[in-house]
Protein backbone atom coordinates (compact mmCIF):
# COMPACT_ATOMS: atom_id res chain seq x y z
CA MET A 1 29.29 13.94 -113.55
CA GLN A 2 27.35 17.05 -112.54
CA THR A 3 24.62 17.44 -109.92
CA LYS A 4 21.95 20.12 -110.18
CA THR A 5 18.68 20.74 -108.40
CA ILE A 6 15.56 20.75 -110.58
CA ASP A 7 12.16 21.35 -108.95
CA ASN A 8 13.96 20.79 -105.62
CA ILE A 9 15.01 17.29 -106.75
CA PRO A 10 18.76 16.51 -106.90
CA THR A 11 19.48 15.59 -110.51
CA VAL A 12 22.71 13.85 -111.49
CA PHE A 13 23.94 14.21 -115.09
CA ILE A 14 26.34 11.43 -116.11
CA HIS A 15 27.82 12.37 -119.46
CA THR A 16 29.41 9.53 -121.42
CA GLU A 17 29.85 8.77 -125.09
CA LYS A 18 30.08 5.01 -124.46
CA PHE A 19 26.40 4.35 -125.10
CA LYS A 20 23.91 5.02 -127.89
CA THR A 21 21.11 4.99 -125.34
CA ILE A 22 20.00 7.35 -122.62
CA ASN A 23 19.03 5.97 -119.22
CA LEU A 24 16.65 8.06 -117.16
CA LYS A 25 16.23 6.80 -113.62
CA ILE A 26 14.32 8.02 -110.58
CA GLN A 27 15.47 6.61 -107.27
CA PHE A 28 13.33 6.74 -104.12
CA ARG A 29 14.65 5.85 -100.65
CA SER A 30 12.98 5.47 -97.27
CA GLY A 31 13.45 3.54 -94.02
CA LEU A 32 13.17 -0.27 -94.18
CA GLU A 33 10.03 -1.15 -92.22
CA ARG A 34 7.91 -4.29 -92.27
CA GLU A 35 4.73 -2.19 -92.37
CA ARG A 36 5.76 -0.69 -95.71
CA VAL A 37 8.11 -3.05 -97.55
CA SER A 38 5.44 -5.32 -99.11
CA LYS A 39 3.26 -2.37 -100.13
CA ARG A 40 6.24 -0.68 -101.75
CA TYR A 41 7.14 -3.74 -103.80
CA LEU A 42 3.54 -4.23 -104.99
CA LEU A 43 3.29 -0.53 -105.81
CA SER A 44 6.51 -0.69 -107.86
CA ARG A 45 5.11 -3.53 -109.97
CA MET A 46 1.71 -1.90 -110.51
CA MET A 47 3.19 1.41 -111.59
CA VAL A 48 4.98 -0.07 -114.64
CA LYS A 49 2.04 -2.22 -115.74
CA LYS A 50 -0.75 0.34 -116.20
CA THR A 51 -0.89 4.14 -116.35
CA GLY A 52 -3.41 6.88 -117.00
CA SER A 53 -2.48 6.93 -120.68
CA PHE A 54 -2.08 3.17 -121.13
CA GLU A 55 -4.93 1.05 -119.82
CA THR A 56 -3.06 -2.24 -120.23
CA GLU A 57 0.52 -3.42 -120.03
CA SER A 58 0.39 -4.50 -123.67
CA GLU A 59 -0.57 -0.95 -124.75
CA LEU A 60 2.37 0.47 -122.80
CA LEU A 61 4.80 -2.10 -124.19
CA LYS A 62 3.54 -1.47 -127.73
CA TYR A 63 4.13 2.28 -127.34
CA LEU A 64 7.65 1.73 -126.00
CA ALA A 65 8.46 -0.76 -128.76
CA HIS A 66 7.26 1.75 -131.36
CA HIS A 67 9.74 4.26 -129.97
CA TYR A 68 12.77 2.22 -130.98
CA GLY A 69 12.41 -0.44 -128.30
CA ALA A 70 12.42 1.78 -125.22
CA HIS A 71 12.44 -0.25 -122.00
CA LEU A 72 10.72 0.59 -118.70
CA THR A 73 11.58 -1.27 -115.49
CA SER A 74 11.11 -0.95 -111.75
CA ALA A 75 13.26 -2.43 -109.00
CA VAL A 76 13.51 -2.57 -105.22
CA THR A 77 16.56 -3.21 -103.07
CA LYS A 78 17.95 -2.74 -99.58
CA LYS A 79 20.55 -0.02 -99.09
CA GLY A 80 22.06 0.47 -95.64
CA ARG A 81 19.16 0.74 -93.21
CA ASP A 82 16.80 1.70 -96.03
CA HIS A 83 14.50 0.40 -98.72
CA ALA A 84 15.08 1.79 -102.21
CA MET A 85 12.66 1.78 -105.15
CA SER A 86 13.60 2.84 -108.66
CA PHE A 87 12.05 3.40 -112.07
CA ASN A 88 14.30 3.28 -115.13
CA LEU A 89 13.64 4.14 -118.77
CA GLU A 90 16.27 3.20 -121.34
CA PHE A 91 15.81 4.51 -124.88
CA ILE A 92 17.84 5.34 -127.96
CA ASN A 93 19.48 8.75 -128.04
CA SER A 94 17.61 10.96 -130.55
CA LYS A 95 20.89 11.92 -132.19
CA PHE A 96 21.11 8.37 -133.58
CA VAL A 97 17.58 8.49 -135.04
CA LYS A 98 17.05 9.73 -138.58
CA GLU A 99 13.55 11.14 -138.03
CA ASP A 100 12.98 14.40 -136.19
CA LEU A 101 11.92 12.98 -132.83
CA ASN A 102 12.60 14.20 -129.30
CA LEU A 103 12.67 10.85 -127.50
CA LEU A 104 13.77 12.34 -124.19
CA LYS A 105 10.65 14.51 -124.12
CA LYS A 106 8.38 11.58 -124.99
CA MET A 107 10.00 9.26 -122.43
CA SER A 108 9.86 11.96 -119.75
CA GLU A 109 6.11 12.17 -120.38
CA VAL A 110 5.84 8.40 -119.92
CA LEU A 111 7.72 8.62 -116.62
CA LYS A 112 5.51 11.48 -115.42
CA ASP A 113 2.50 9.33 -116.25
CA VAL A 114 3.97 6.38 -114.32
CA LEU A 115 4.63 8.52 -111.26
CA LYS A 116 1.26 10.29 -111.07
CA THR A 117 -1.14 7.44 -111.98
CA PRO A 118 -1.49 5.89 -108.48
CA PHE A 119 -2.95 9.19 -107.25
CA GLU A 120 -5.89 8.37 -109.54
CA TYR A 121 -6.47 4.71 -108.59
CA ASP A 122 -10.17 4.07 -107.92
CA ALA A 123 -12.72 1.23 -107.87
CA GLU A 124 -12.15 0.58 -111.58
CA ASP A 125 -8.58 -0.48 -110.75
CA THR A 126 -9.64 -3.12 -108.20
CA GLN A 127 -9.45 -6.03 -110.65
CA PHE A 128 -5.98 -4.94 -111.81
CA PHE A 129 -4.86 -4.60 -108.18
CA GLU A 130 -6.16 -8.03 -107.18
CA ARG A 131 -4.47 -9.64 -110.19
CA GLU A 132 -1.11 -8.07 -109.34
CA LYS A 133 -1.51 -9.14 -105.73
CA ARG A 134 -2.10 -12.76 -106.82
CA LEU A 135 0.97 -12.64 -109.05
CA TYR A 136 2.98 -11.24 -106.15
CA ILE A 137 1.83 -13.98 -103.76
CA ASN A 138 2.61 -16.68 -106.34
CA ARG A 139 6.07 -15.22 -106.95
CA LEU A 140 6.98 -15.29 -103.25
CA LYS A 141 5.59 -18.81 -102.91
CA GLY A 142 7.81 -19.78 -105.82
CA LEU A 143 10.82 -18.35 -104.02
CA LYS A 144 9.95 -20.50 -101.00
CA ASP A 145 10.21 -23.55 -103.27
CA ASN A 146 13.80 -22.60 -104.05
CA LYS A 147 15.60 -24.29 -101.16
CA ALA A 148 18.75 -22.15 -101.43
CA GLN A 149 16.66 -18.95 -101.32
CA LYS A 150 14.49 -20.30 -98.52
CA SER A 151 17.47 -21.34 -96.37
CA PHE A 152 19.12 -17.92 -96.78
CA GLU A 153 15.88 -16.21 -95.80
CA ASN A 154 15.70 -18.48 -92.75
CA LEU A 155 19.27 -17.51 -91.84
CA LEU A 156 18.26 -13.83 -91.93
CA ASN A 157 15.24 -14.54 -89.72
CA VAL A 158 17.42 -16.25 -87.09
CA MET A 159 20.37 -13.85 -87.28
CA PHE A 160 18.30 -10.65 -87.36
CA LYS A 161 15.37 -11.81 -85.26
CA ASP A 162 14.68 -8.35 -83.77
CA GLU A 163 16.19 -6.24 -86.57
CA PRO A 164 14.49 -4.88 -89.73
CA TYR A 165 17.36 -6.21 -91.87
CA LYS A 166 15.69 -9.62 -91.89
CA TYR A 167 13.01 -8.32 -94.25
CA LEU A 168 13.84 -8.89 -97.90
CA SER A 169 13.43 -6.04 -100.37
CA HIS A 170 10.48 -7.79 -102.03
CA GLY A 171 8.48 -7.99 -98.80
CA VAL A 172 6.81 -10.54 -96.54
CA LEU A 173 4.52 -13.22 -97.98
CA GLU A 174 2.26 -13.31 -94.93
CA ASP A 175 1.54 -9.58 -95.18
CA ILE A 176 0.34 -9.42 -98.78
CA GLU A 177 -3.20 -10.77 -98.46
CA ASN A 178 -4.37 -7.93 -96.20
CA ILE A 179 -3.02 -5.11 -98.39
CA THR A 180 -5.79 -2.98 -99.89
CA LEU A 181 -5.85 -0.66 -102.89
CA GLU A 182 -6.20 2.22 -100.46
CA ASP A 183 -2.98 1.07 -98.75
CA ILE A 184 -1.22 1.26 -102.12
CA LYS A 185 -2.50 4.77 -102.74
CA ASP A 186 -1.37 5.86 -99.27
CA GLU A 187 2.08 4.32 -99.78
CA HIS A 188 2.44 6.06 -103.13
CA GLU A 189 1.50 9.40 -101.60
CA GLU A 190 4.00 8.87 -98.78
CA MET A 191 6.73 7.99 -101.29
CA MET A 192 6.08 10.98 -103.51
CA LYS A 193 5.91 13.37 -100.57
CA ASN A 194 8.53 12.14 -98.08
CA ASP A 195 10.99 9.70 -99.68
CA GLU A 196 14.37 11.00 -100.66
CA ALA A 197 14.18 11.25 -104.46
CA VAL A 198 17.06 11.54 -106.92
CA ILE A 199 16.96 11.76 -110.71
CA LEU A 200 19.90 10.25 -112.60
CA ILE A 201 20.40 10.51 -116.34
CA ALA A 202 23.26 8.85 -118.23
CA GLY A 203 24.34 8.98 -121.86
CA HIS A 204 25.55 11.46 -124.46
CA LEU A 205 23.89 14.48 -122.86
CA ASP A 206 25.10 17.39 -125.03
CA GLU A 207 21.55 18.24 -126.06
CA VAL A 208 19.86 17.51 -122.73
CA THR A 209 18.63 20.63 -120.95
CA ASP A 210 17.32 21.19 -117.44
CA ASP A 211 13.93 22.04 -118.93
CA SER A 212 13.62 18.57 -120.47
CA LEU A 213 13.62 17.08 -116.94
CA LYS A 214 11.32 19.58 -115.27
CA GLY A 215 8.07 18.35 -113.84
CA LEU A 216 9.05 14.70 -113.30
CA ILE A 217 8.68 15.33 -109.57
CA THR A 218 8.09 18.72 -108.01
CA ARG A 219 8.59 19.52 -104.34
CA ASP A 220 8.55 22.63 -102.17
CA GLU A 221 11.90 21.69 -100.64
CA THR A 222 14.72 19.21 -101.17
CA ILE A 223 14.60 16.09 -98.99
CA ARG A 224 17.96 14.56 -98.05
CA LEU A 225 17.85 11.63 -95.64
CA PRO A 226 20.88 10.31 -93.75
CA TYR A 227 22.48 7.26 -95.34
CA GLU A 228 23.66 4.98 -92.57
CA GLY A 229 24.43 1.35 -91.94
CA TYR A 230 23.57 -0.64 -88.83
CA SER A 231 25.90 -0.23 -85.88
CA PHE A 232 28.06 -3.19 -84.97
CA LYS A 233 26.31 -5.50 -82.52
CA GLU A 234 28.11 -7.93 -80.23
CA VAL A 235 27.44 -11.47 -81.37
CA THR A 236 25.82 -14.26 -79.46
CA GLU A 237 26.45 -17.36 -81.55
CA LYS A 238 23.27 -19.08 -82.68
CA GLU A 239 22.75 -22.34 -84.52
CA GLN A 240 19.57 -23.80 -86.03
CA THR A 241 18.91 -26.84 -88.20
CA ASP A 242 15.65 -27.58 -90.02
CA LYS A 243 14.82 -30.77 -91.89
CA GLU A 244 12.87 -31.12 -95.13
CA ASN A 245 12.85 -33.44 -98.12
CA VAL A 246 16.06 -32.15 -99.70
CA GLU A 247 18.86 -34.17 -101.26
CA GLN A 248 21.46 -31.45 -100.79
CA ALA A 249 21.92 -29.68 -97.46
CA LYS A 250 22.07 -25.88 -97.49
CA LEU A 251 24.69 -24.53 -95.10
CA ASN A 252 24.37 -20.81 -94.37
CA MET A 253 26.71 -18.90 -92.05
CA GLY A 254 26.26 -15.27 -91.02
CA PHE A 255 29.04 -13.06 -89.62
CA ARG A 256 29.16 -9.51 -88.26
CA ALA A 257 32.19 -7.32 -88.92
CA ASP A 258 33.25 -4.32 -86.88
CA ALA A 259 34.49 -2.19 -89.79
CA ASN A 260 33.92 1.56 -89.54
CA SER A 261 36.25 3.73 -91.64
CA ALA A 262 36.24 3.77 -95.46
CA GLU A 263 39.59 1.95 -95.40
CA GLU A 264 38.29 -0.76 -93.07
CA LYS A 265 35.15 -1.25 -95.16
CA MET A 266 37.30 -1.57 -98.27
CA ALA A 267 39.54 -4.07 -96.47
CA LEU A 268 36.41 -6.07 -95.58
CA ASN A 269 35.48 -6.04 -99.26
CA VAL A 270 38.95 -7.29 -100.28
CA ALA A 271 39.00 -9.89 -97.49
CA ASN A 272 35.66 -11.23 -98.71
CA GLN A 273 36.98 -11.58 -102.26
CA MET A 274 39.95 -13.54 -100.93
CA PHE A 275 37.80 -15.61 -98.58
CA GLY A 276 34.95 -16.69 -100.86
CA GLY A 277 33.89 -13.92 -103.23
CA SER A 278 35.68 -15.04 -106.36
CA ALA A 279 36.85 -18.11 -108.30
CA THR A 280 40.37 -17.62 -106.88
CA SER A 281 39.14 -17.51 -103.27
CA TYR A 282 40.02 -19.91 -100.46
CA LEU A 283 36.49 -21.30 -100.16
CA PHE A 284 36.24 -22.06 -103.86
CA LYS A 285 39.74 -23.43 -104.38
CA ASN A 286 40.08 -25.41 -101.16
CA ILE A 287 36.61 -26.45 -99.99
CA ARG A 288 34.98 -26.96 -103.39
CA GLU A 289 37.86 -27.86 -105.69
CA LYS A 290 40.48 -29.45 -103.45
CA GLU A 291 38.45 -31.04 -100.63
CA SER A 292 35.21 -31.56 -102.65
CA LEU A 293 33.23 -30.69 -99.54
CA ALA A 294 30.67 -28.50 -101.35
CA TYR A 295 28.72 -28.65 -104.60
CA GLN A 296 28.80 -24.86 -104.60
CA ILE A 297 30.06 -22.31 -102.10
CA HIS A 298 30.67 -18.59 -101.97
CA SER A 299 30.73 -15.66 -99.59
CA GLN A 300 29.10 -12.26 -100.02
CA THR A 301 29.15 -9.05 -98.03
CA ASP A 302 26.95 -6.10 -97.26
CA ILE A 303 29.81 -3.64 -96.85
CA LYS A 304 27.66 -0.72 -95.67
CA ASN A 305 26.27 -2.76 -92.77
CA GLY A 306 29.29 -4.94 -92.01
CA PHE A 307 27.60 -8.30 -92.66
CA LEU A 308 29.25 -11.30 -94.32
CA PHE A 309 27.48 -14.47 -95.41
CA VAL A 310 28.70 -17.88 -96.55
CA LEU A 311 26.24 -19.93 -98.63
CA ALA A 312 27.00 -23.54 -99.52
CA GLY A 313 25.35 -26.65 -100.89
CA VAL A 314 26.82 -29.79 -99.29
CA SER A 315 26.04 -33.45 -98.70
CA PRO A 316 23.96 -33.90 -95.52
CA ASP A 317 26.68 -36.06 -93.96
CA GLN A 318 29.36 -33.41 -94.62
CA VAL A 319 27.70 -30.38 -92.95
CA GLU A 320 29.87 -30.32 -89.82
CA LYS A 321 33.04 -30.95 -91.77
CA ALA A 322 32.18 -28.16 -94.22
CA LYS A 323 31.37 -25.74 -91.41
CA SER A 324 34.72 -26.42 -89.74
CA ALA A 325 36.49 -26.00 -93.08
CA VAL A 326 34.85 -22.59 -93.65
CA LEU A 327 35.99 -21.38 -90.24
CA HIS A 328 39.48 -22.77 -90.91
CA GLU A 329 39.79 -20.79 -94.15
CA LEU A 330 38.63 -17.60 -92.40
CA GLN A 331 41.17 -18.22 -89.64
CA ARG A 332 43.90 -18.43 -92.28
CA ILE A 333 43.09 -14.89 -93.37
CA LYS A 334 42.95 -13.78 -89.72
CA ASP A 335 46.40 -15.29 -89.22
CA GLY A 336 47.77 -13.53 -92.30
CA ASP A 337 48.25 -16.82 -94.15
CA PHE A 338 48.10 -15.35 -97.65
CA THR A 339 50.72 -14.04 -100.07
CA GLU A 340 51.24 -10.49 -101.25
CA GLU A 341 50.75 -11.84 -104.76
CA PHE A 342 47.26 -13.16 -103.87
CA LEU A 343 46.34 -9.81 -102.30
CA SER A 344 47.58 -7.87 -105.35
CA GLU A 345 45.77 -10.21 -107.71
CA THR A 346 42.53 -9.80 -105.76
CA LYS A 347 42.75 -6.00 -105.84
CA HIS A 348 43.50 -6.12 -109.57
CA LEU A 349 40.40 -8.26 -110.19
CA MET A 350 38.29 -5.78 -108.20
CA ARG A 351 39.49 -2.96 -110.45
CA VAL A 352 38.72 -5.04 -113.55
CA ASN A 353 35.23 -5.87 -112.27
CA ARG A 354 34.57 -2.22 -111.51
CA ASN A 355 35.57 -1.24 -115.04
CA GLU A 356 33.24 -3.89 -116.44
CA ILE A 357 30.38 -2.53 -114.32
CA VAL A 358 30.72 1.03 -115.63
CA ASP A 359 30.82 -0.25 -119.20
CA LYS A 360 27.08 -0.90 -118.90
CA PRO A 361 24.55 1.94 -118.43
CA LYS A 362 22.70 0.42 -115.48
CA GLY A 363 25.94 -0.49 -113.74
CA LEU A 364 27.28 3.03 -114.23
CA ILE A 365 24.13 4.62 -112.83
CA ALA A 366 24.10 2.26 -109.83
CA LEU A 367 27.71 3.09 -109.05
CA VAL A 368 27.12 6.85 -109.36
CA TYR A 369 24.05 6.60 -107.13
CA ASN A 370 26.13 4.86 -104.47
CA GLN A 371 28.69 7.65 -104.75
CA TYR A 372 25.91 10.19 -104.34
CA LEU A 373 24.68 8.49 -101.18
CA ASN A 374 28.16 8.12 -99.72
CA ASP A 375 29.35 11.55 -100.92
CA SER A 376 32.35 9.86 -102.53
CA THR A 377 34.19 9.74 -105.87
CA ASP A 378 36.11 7.27 -108.04
CA ASP A 379 39.31 8.69 -106.56
CA ASP A 380 38.05 7.95 -103.03
CA TRP A 381 37.41 4.33 -104.01
CA GLU A 382 40.85 3.94 -105.56
CA GLN A 383 42.60 5.60 -102.60
CA SER A 384 40.80 3.32 -100.13
CA LEU A 385 41.71 0.25 -102.19
CA SER A 386 45.35 1.36 -102.47
CA LYS A 387 45.59 1.62 -98.67
CA VAL A 388 44.51 -1.99 -98.18
CA ASP A 389 47.62 -3.99 -97.30
CA HIS A 390 48.45 -7.25 -95.54
CA GLU A 391 48.30 -5.63 -92.09
CA LEU A 392 44.89 -4.01 -92.64
CA ILE A 393 43.38 -7.23 -94.01
CA VAL A 394 44.54 -9.12 -90.89
CA LYS A 395 43.21 -6.38 -88.61
CA VAL A 396 39.75 -6.31 -90.22
CA ALA A 397 39.55 -10.10 -90.56
CA ASN A 398 40.04 -10.37 -86.81
CA GLN A 399 37.03 -8.09 -86.41
CA ILE A 400 34.78 -10.61 -88.21
CA TYR A 401 32.72 -12.71 -85.79
CA LEU A 402 30.52 -15.73 -86.43
CA ASP A 403 26.94 -14.92 -85.44
CA THR A 404 24.63 -17.59 -86.88
CA VAL A 405 24.80 -20.99 -88.54
CA TYR A 406 21.62 -22.14 -90.26
CA THR A 407 21.31 -25.50 -92.01
CA LEU A 408 18.47 -26.88 -94.08
CA THR A 409 19.05 -30.61 -94.48
CA GLY A 410 17.28 -33.85 -95.34
CA LYS A 411 15.00 -35.80 -93.04
């Protein structure tokens, strides 16, 4: 891995001979704010559907397919206290093509087109904008129909009532209708001018030069924003139950963890895997398999921010019993009621999973981007994991506090 600065944009070269493709990704990052999150998601979808050179999505897809099935995608996600938007082009490496064709140059031109087009949106794009807005509204309404998704979103709204973290990366349904095309243009201009931007390119890069990546984005100076998580906040336990026509109750539990150092954050990660993050975890083996208290159950963490969530589908008459069982399994970890063998096995599985992630181009780029943000390396990750022992797990587990219980159950 090598990082250079091209046109004042940090550019990360990830050389690997594992893949026959090249992945070219541009990552934008800015603060997570309700006023912007819905506009940013809509913008990300519009930018990969229509460009200055391709009037329709079908024209763009046809051009990419003609160039050996190149694939253009956009994505949004939450990272720390921020909202991240990315554009990724995956295409075959020219060295594996018989004809004399510089695919990197052609795909770079496509990406330039994608990035500059919103500057040129005008009245002729109104119909396209309104169609994308309708699709966006329908998508979020569809998510509301998914009871598991809806109940988790409700948990976030209760747990983070006065905190931006409650906003999902794809925005707020109620805010979409009032977005205008001018709002989209303004958001695009703000992103291109003031977001932190990073270019990442992965593949067999022997023939890739700095010049081939020039002009994707050009700035007068490099922008580097702080990458921070939310500070730990003392909990005040909250509980809310809503009733709808559902056959299976959705039990959602949110916890806050006071984990600060790299070692403590890694211990939180390991503790989560032991608690409910894998098929060998306590929640899965004991609550689902042994006690049959849940149709499905797992835990997940946001390590950067120190949040842990338990999501379960249970019978409506078993909600209280399941909740008590979850807290009992967490208490076991707090009490150190786990074997060294279980801890070692969990750490081994984490290493295996990490290796599987970097065996795929998008996984490798995502991991390297996280390292860029955290100013860390593979060695740092391994050293932190190696330092996680029985004592550290117990210490960090006792710094995990229940904040919110949200249940969506039948009437």
